[in-house]
C-alpha atoms as a PDB file:
ATOM      1  CA  UNK A   1       6.396 -64.320  29.758  1.00  0.00           C
ATOM      2  CA  UNK A   2       9.874 -62.801  30.821  1.00  0.00           C
ATOM      3  CA  UNK A   3       8.551 -59.184  30.946  1.00  0.00           C
ATOM      4  CA  UNK A   4       6.399 -59.937  33.435  1.00  0.00           C
ATOM      5  CA  UNK A   5       9.165 -61.246  35.653  1.00  0.00           C
ATOM      6  CA  UNK A   6      10.896 -58.385  34.713  1.00  0.00           C
ATOM      7  CA  UNK A   7       8.156 -56.011  36.558  1.00  0.00           C
ATOM      8  CA  UNK A   8       7.601 -58.112  39.276  1.00  0.00           C
ATOM      9  CA  UNK A   9      11.374 -58.509  40.453  1.00  0.00           C
ATOM     10  CA  UNK A  10      11.419 -54.699  39.541  1.00  0.00           C
ATOM     11  CA  UNK A  11       8.414 -53.731  41.997  1.00  0.00           C
ATOM     12  CA  UNK A  12       9.967 -55.988  44.419  1.00  0.00           C
ATOM     13  CA  UNK A  13      13.866 -54.331  44.189  1.00  0.00           C
ATOM     14  CA  UNK A  14      12.051 -50.643  44.442  1.00  0.00           C
ATOM     15  CA  UNK A  15       9.692 -51.660  47.491  1.00  0.00           C
ATOM     16  CA  UNK A  16      13.022 -53.545  49.379  1.00  0.00           C
ATOM     17  CA  UNK A  17      15.757 -50.990  48.614  1.00  0.00           C
ATOM     18  CA  UNK A  18      13.188 -48.211  49.733  1.00  0.00           C
ATOM     19  CA  UNK A  19      12.856 -50.176  53.144  1.00  0.00           C
ATOM     20  CA  UNK A  20      16.438 -50.572  53.142  1.00  0.00           C
ATOM     21  CA  UNK A  21      17.484 -47.026  52.501  1.00  0.00           C
ATOM     22  CA  UNK A  22      15.214 -46.048  55.562  1.00  0.00           C
ATOM     23  CA  UNK A  23      15.899 -47.910  57.614  1.00  0.00           C
ATOM     24  CA  UNK A  24      19.795 -49.746  57.120  1.00  0.00           C
ATOM     25  CA  UNK A  25      21.480 -46.620  55.771  1.00  0.00           C
ATOM     26  CA  UNK A  26      23.149 -43.847  57.987  1.00  0.00           C
ATOM     27  CA  UNK A  27      24.267 -41.559  55.201  1.00  0.00           C
ATOM     28  CA  UNK A  28      22.998 -38.032  55.721  1.00  0.00           C
ATOM     29  CA  UNK A  29      23.146 -37.442  51.581  1.00  0.00           C
ATOM     30  CA  UNK A  30      20.961 -39.700  51.130  1.00  0.00           C
ATOM     31  CA  UNK A  31      18.295 -38.550  53.783  1.00  0.00           C
ATOM     32  CA  UNK A  32      15.145 -37.388  51.633  1.00  0.00           C
ATOM     33  CA  UNK A  33      15.576 -39.684  48.466  1.00  0.00           C
ATOM     34  CA  UNK A  34      12.500 -40.479  46.736  1.00  0.00           C
ATOM     35  CA  UNK A  35      12.568 -43.477  44.351  1.00  0.00           C
ATOM     36  CA  UNK A  36      10.407 -43.147  41.691  1.00  0.00           C
ATOM     37  CA  UNK A  37      10.743 -46.089  39.271  1.00  0.00           C
ATOM     38  CA  UNK A  38      13.259 -49.531  38.507  1.00  0.00           C
ATOM     39  CA  UNK A  39      14.360 -50.746  34.939  1.00  0.00           C
ATOM     40  CA  UNK A  40      15.587 -54.243  34.928  1.00  0.00           C
ATOM     41  CA  UNK A  41      17.563 -55.458  32.238  1.00  0.00           C
ATOM     42  CA  UNK A  42      16.270 -58.804  30.385  1.00  0.00           C
ATOM     43  CA  UNK A  43      18.664 -60.537  31.634  1.00  0.00           C
ATOM     44  CA  UNK A  44      18.359 -59.655  35.411  1.00  0.00           C
ATOM     45  CA  UNK A  45      21.855 -58.443  35.944  1.00  0.00           C
ATOM     46  CA  UNK A  46      21.659 -54.750  36.323  1.00  0.00           C
ATOM     47  CA  UNK A  47      19.042 -52.753  38.030  1.00  0.00           C
ATOM     48  CA  UNK A  48      19.103 -49.252  37.165  1.00  0.00           C
ATOM     49  CA  UNK A  49      16.620 -47.140  40.216  1.00  0.00           C
ATOM     50  CA  UNK A  50      15.673 -43.847  39.557  1.00  0.00           C
ATOM     51  CA  UNK A  51      15.292 -41.378  42.162  1.00  0.00           C
ATOM     52  CA  UNK A  52      14.662 -37.661  43.192  1.00  0.00           C
ATOM     53  CA  UNK A  53      15.057 -35.335  45.994  1.00  0.00           C
ATOM     54  CA  UNK A  54      13.393 -31.909  47.217  1.00  0.00           C
ATOM     55  CA  UNK A  55      16.774 -29.957  46.978  1.00  0.00           C
ATOM     56  CA  UNK A  56      17.249 -29.349  43.617  1.00  0.00           C
ATOM     57  CA  UNK A  57      21.036 -27.720  43.966  1.00  0.00           C
ATOM     58  CA  UNK A  58      23.527 -29.244  42.075  1.00  0.00           C
ATOM     59  CA  UNK A  59      25.997 -29.372  45.057  1.00  0.00           C
ATOM     60  CA  UNK A  60      23.401 -31.902  46.808  1.00  0.00           C
ATOM     61  CA  UNK A  61      22.453 -33.354  43.605  1.00  0.00           C
ATOM     62  CA  UNK A  62      26.490 -34.472  43.229  1.00  0.00           C
ATOM     63  CA  UNK A  63      26.129 -35.289  46.779  1.00  0.00           C
ATOM     64  CA  UNK A  64      22.882 -37.696  46.927  1.00  0.00           C
ATOM     65  CA  UNK A  65      24.690 -39.114  43.828  1.00  0.00           C
ATOM     66  CA  UNK A  66      27.564 -40.190  45.784  1.00  0.00           C
ATOM     67  CA  UNK A  67      25.787 -41.316  49.064  1.00  0.00           C
ATOM     68  CA  UNK A  68      23.840 -43.381  46.771  1.00  0.00           C
ATOM     69  CA  UNK A  69      26.910 -45.039  44.785  1.00  0.00           C
ATOM     70  CA  UNK A  70      28.951 -45.271  48.265  1.00  0.00           C
ATOM     71  CA  UNK A  71      26.305 -47.317  49.991  1.00  0.00           C
ATOM     72  CA  UNK A  72      25.260 -49.628  47.008  1.00  0.00           C
ATOM     73  CA  UNK A  73      27.432 -52.658  48.080  1.00  0.00           C
ATOM     74  CA  UNK A  74      25.326 -52.270  51.525  1.00  0.00           C
ATOM     75  CA  UNK A  75      22.043 -51.998  49.392  1.00  0.00           C
ATOM     76  CA  UNK A  76      22.637 -54.883  46.848  1.00  0.00           C
ATOM     77  CA  UNK A  77      24.072 -57.527  49.859  1.00  0.00           C
ATOM     78  CA  UNK A  78      21.115 -56.483  51.930  1.00  0.00           C
ATOM     79  CA  UNK A  79      18.597 -56.734  48.853  1.00  0.00           C
ATOM     80  CA  UNK A  80      20.190 -60.263  47.982  1.00  0.00           C
ATOM     81  CA  UNK A  81      18.624 -61.227  50.912  1.00  0.00           C
ATOM     82  CA  UNK A  82      15.132 -61.149  50.011  1.00  0.00           C
ATOM     83  CA  UNK A  83      15.275 -61.645  46.090  1.00  0.00           C
ATOM     84  CA  UNK A  84      14.682 -65.087  45.330  1.00  0.00           C
ATOM     85  CA  UNK A  85      17.098 -64.600  42.302  1.00  0.00           C
ATOM     86  CA  UNK A  86      20.107 -66.836  41.156  1.00  0.00           C
ATOM     87  CA  UNK A  87      22.141 -63.391  40.982  1.00  0.00           C
ATOM     88  CA  UNK A  88      21.197 -60.301  42.645  1.00  0.00           C
ATOM     89  CA  UNK A  89      21.463 -57.125  40.038  1.00  0.00           C
ATOM     90  CA  UNK A  90      24.116 -54.339  39.794  1.00  0.00           C
ATOM     91  CA  UNK A  91      22.485 -51.391  41.057  1.00  0.00           C
ATOM     92  CA  UNK A  92      22.589 -48.044  39.291  1.00  0.00           C
ATOM     93  CA  UNK A  93      21.590 -44.989  40.658  1.00  0.00           C
ATOM     94  CA  UNK A  94      19.947 -42.345  38.592  1.00  0.00           C
ATOM     95  CA  UNK A  95      18.388 -38.885  39.048  1.00  0.00           C
ATOM     96  CA  UNK A  96      14.977 -38.960  37.746  1.00  0.00           C
ATOM     97  CA  UNK A  97      14.462 -35.851  35.445  1.00  0.00           C
ATOM     98  CA  UNK A  98      10.870 -36.613  34.287  1.00  0.00           C
ATOM     99  CA  UNK A  99       9.871 -34.301  37.486  1.00  0.00           C
ATOM    100  CA  UNK A 100      12.411 -31.206  36.674  1.00  0.00           C
ATOM    101  CA  UNK A 101      10.842 -31.569  33.298  1.00  0.00           C
ATOM    102  CA  UNK A 102       7.269 -31.902  33.987  1.00  0.00           C
ATOM    103  CA  UNK A 103       7.819 -28.711  36.804  1.00  0.00           C
ATOM    104  CA  UNK A 104       9.377 -27.214  33.568  1.00  0.00           C
ATOM    105  CA  UNK A 105       6.131 -27.633  31.637  1.00  0.00           C
ATOM    106  CA  UNK A 106       3.719 -26.566  34.245  1.00  0.00           C
ATOM    107  CA  UNK A 107       5.514 -23.750  34.576  1.00  0.00           C
ATOM    108  CA  UNK A 108       5.829 -22.407  30.665  1.00  0.00           C
ATOM    109  CA  UNK A 109       1.835 -23.409  30.248  1.00  0.00           C
ATOM    110  CA  UNK A 110       0.959 -20.784  33.189  1.00  0.00           C
ATOM    111  CA  UNK A 111       3.509 -18.190  31.762  1.00  0.00           C
ATOM    112  CA  UNK A 112       1.514 -18.786  28.212  1.00  0.00           C
ATOM    113  CA  UNK A 113      -1.748 -18.612  29.941  1.00  0.00           C
ATOM    114  CA  UNK A 114      -1.430 -15.452  32.381  1.00  0.00           C
ATOM    115  CA  UNK A 115       0.600 -13.589  28.960  1.00  0.00           C
ATOM    116  CA  UNK A 116      -3.165 -14.428  27.198  1.00  0.00           C
ATOM    117  CA  UNK A 117      -5.409 -12.752  29.750  1.00  0.00           C
END
């Protein structure tokens, strides 16, 4: 039962944080951010929000992370108006490395295929 509630709250957080980022956050460092997943702890006190960007440069990655961390207070405040939980979870933004990992695997497979021909 608890896992079902966690899943529903994670989906609601993903939906609302995406909306808040698009409508309320005016920081140019967070433009082009795509939220990919949310993991909520069992006690609903923390939520890890995973994101990705199109630009993979280290400078852009650091600037995006900093922008999201600075906007987390505003995002949490706005999110609290939508959630029906007693406490609004603390938001922790993490870069989603799975897309880069998948691209690397794809690149290696293509390289292997071209070497075998």
